[in-house]
């Protein structure tokens, strides 16, 4: 089991590198993170830059996220299927500031 890194893509595309991306009309925000592939059981801990309350997490790779129904200040992605280490997958975190 390895610990995977991650890159905050939102900082590269948001205005002035300071704003999160708006999501929907309910005042939610979104951050996009890029994670390299790995083997089953590998983990990646993501601590959002803008969000202080993660409400949902979507990933392109088969994984679990361990989020609770309470306020979540970070998310731990655990791969449930292998992905080549030379490819990346995106993770979308949606929540409140």
Protein backbone atom coordinates (compact mmCIF):
# COMPACT_ATOMS: atom_id res chain seq x y z
CA UNK A 1 0.00 0.00 0.00
CA UNK A 2 1.40 3.36 -1.04
CA UNK A 3 0.48 6.96 -0.38
CA UNK A 4 -0.34 8.84 -3.58
CA UNK A 5 0.26 12.53 -4.14
CA UNK A 6 -2.22 15.02 -5.55
CA UNK A 7 -2.26 18.32 -7.41
CA UNK A 8 -4.87 21.04 -6.96
CA UNK A 9 -5.98 21.74 -10.54
CA UNK A 10 -8.44 24.43 -9.39
CA UNK A 11 -5.59 26.78 -8.50
CA UNK A 12 -4.39 26.55 -12.10
CA UNK A 13 -7.73 27.51 -13.67
CA UNK A 14 -9.47 29.81 -11.18
CA UNK A 15 -9.40 33.58 -11.50
CA UNK A 16 -6.27 35.08 -9.92
CA UNK A 17 -5.46 31.68 -8.40
CA UNK A 18 -7.66 32.73 -5.46
CA UNK A 19 -11.22 31.61 -6.16
CA UNK A 20 -12.82 28.16 -6.07
CA UNK A 21 -15.16 27.10 -8.85
CA UNK A 22 -18.88 27.75 -8.29
CA UNK A 23 -21.05 24.64 -8.33
CA UNK A 24 -24.79 24.85 -8.88
CA UNK A 25 -27.09 27.52 -7.51
CA UNK A 26 -27.09 26.52 -3.85
CA UNK A 27 -23.84 28.32 -3.01
CA UNK A 28 -21.70 25.19 -3.16
CA UNK A 29 -18.11 25.32 -4.37
CA UNK A 30 -15.95 22.79 -6.17
CA UNK A 31 -12.26 21.96 -6.19
CA UNK A 32 -10.68 19.68 -8.78
CA UNK A 33 -7.67 17.56 -7.82
CA UNK A 34 -5.50 15.28 -9.98
CA UNK A 35 -4.18 12.02 -8.50
CA UNK A 36 -1.81 9.47 -10.11
CA UNK A 37 -2.88 5.86 -10.54
CA UNK A 38 -1.77 3.08 -8.24
CA UNK A 39 -2.74 -0.33 -6.94
CA UNK A 40 -5.69 -1.51 -4.85
CA UNK A 41 -5.36 -0.15 -1.31
CA UNK A 42 -3.23 2.87 -2.20
CA UNK A 43 -4.46 6.04 -0.51
CA UNK A 44 -4.41 9.76 -1.15
CA UNK A 45 -5.33 12.34 1.48
CA UNK A 46 -6.65 15.58 0.03
CA UNK A 47 -6.94 18.69 2.20
CA UNK A 48 -8.91 21.29 0.21
CA UNK A 49 -7.54 24.76 -0.37
CA UNK A 50 -10.88 26.60 -0.34
CA UNK A 51 -13.42 24.21 1.22
CA UNK A 52 -13.83 23.75 4.95
CA UNK A 53 -16.86 21.44 4.69
CA UNK A 54 -16.66 18.71 2.01
CA UNK A 55 -20.12 17.33 1.29
CA UNK A 56 -19.41 14.99 -1.61
CA UNK A 57 -16.49 13.58 -3.54
CA UNK A 58 -16.53 12.22 -7.08
CA UNK A 59 -13.59 10.38 -8.63
CA UNK A 60 -12.82 9.02 -12.11
CA UNK A 61 -11.19 5.96 -10.55
CA UNK A 62 -12.87 3.21 -8.52
CA UNK A 63 -12.30 4.27 -4.94
CA UNK A 64 -13.83 4.90 -1.55
CA UNK A 65 -13.74 8.28 0.16
CA UNK A 66 -14.55 7.75 3.83
CA UNK A 67 -16.66 10.92 4.09
CA UNK A 68 -19.12 11.17 6.98
CA UNK A 69 -22.45 13.01 7.11
CA UNK A 70 -20.83 15.65 9.34
CA UNK A 71 -18.53 18.43 8.21
CA UNK A 72 -15.46 16.91 6.53
CA UNK A 73 -12.27 18.96 6.40
CA UNK A 74 -10.33 16.44 4.30
CA UNK A 75 -10.95 13.28 2.31
CA UNK A 76 -8.95 10.04 2.08
CA UNK A 77 -9.31 8.35 -1.30
CA UNK A 78 -8.58 4.60 -1.21
CA UNK A 79 -8.28 2.82 -4.56
CA UNK A 80 -10.54 -0.23 -4.99
CA UNK A 81 -9.18 -1.00 -8.47
CA UNK A 82 -5.71 -0.63 -9.93
CA UNK A 83 -4.75 2.05 -12.42
CA UNK A 84 -1.46 2.39 -14.26
CA UNK A 85 0.93 4.68 -12.42
CA UNK A 86 1.62 6.65 -15.61
CA UNK A 87 -1.99 7.89 -15.83
CA UNK A 88 -3.90 10.36 -13.67
CA UNK A 89 -7.51 10.57 -12.56
CA UNK A 90 -9.49 13.57 -11.37
CA UNK A 91 -11.29 14.00 -8.07
CA UNK A 92 -14.01 16.62 -7.59
CA UNK A 93 -14.65 17.88 -4.07
CA UNK A 94 -17.93 19.73 -3.58
CA UNK A 95 -18.83 21.60 -0.41
CA UNK A 96 -18.90 24.92 1.41
CA UNK A 97 -16.25 27.47 2.20
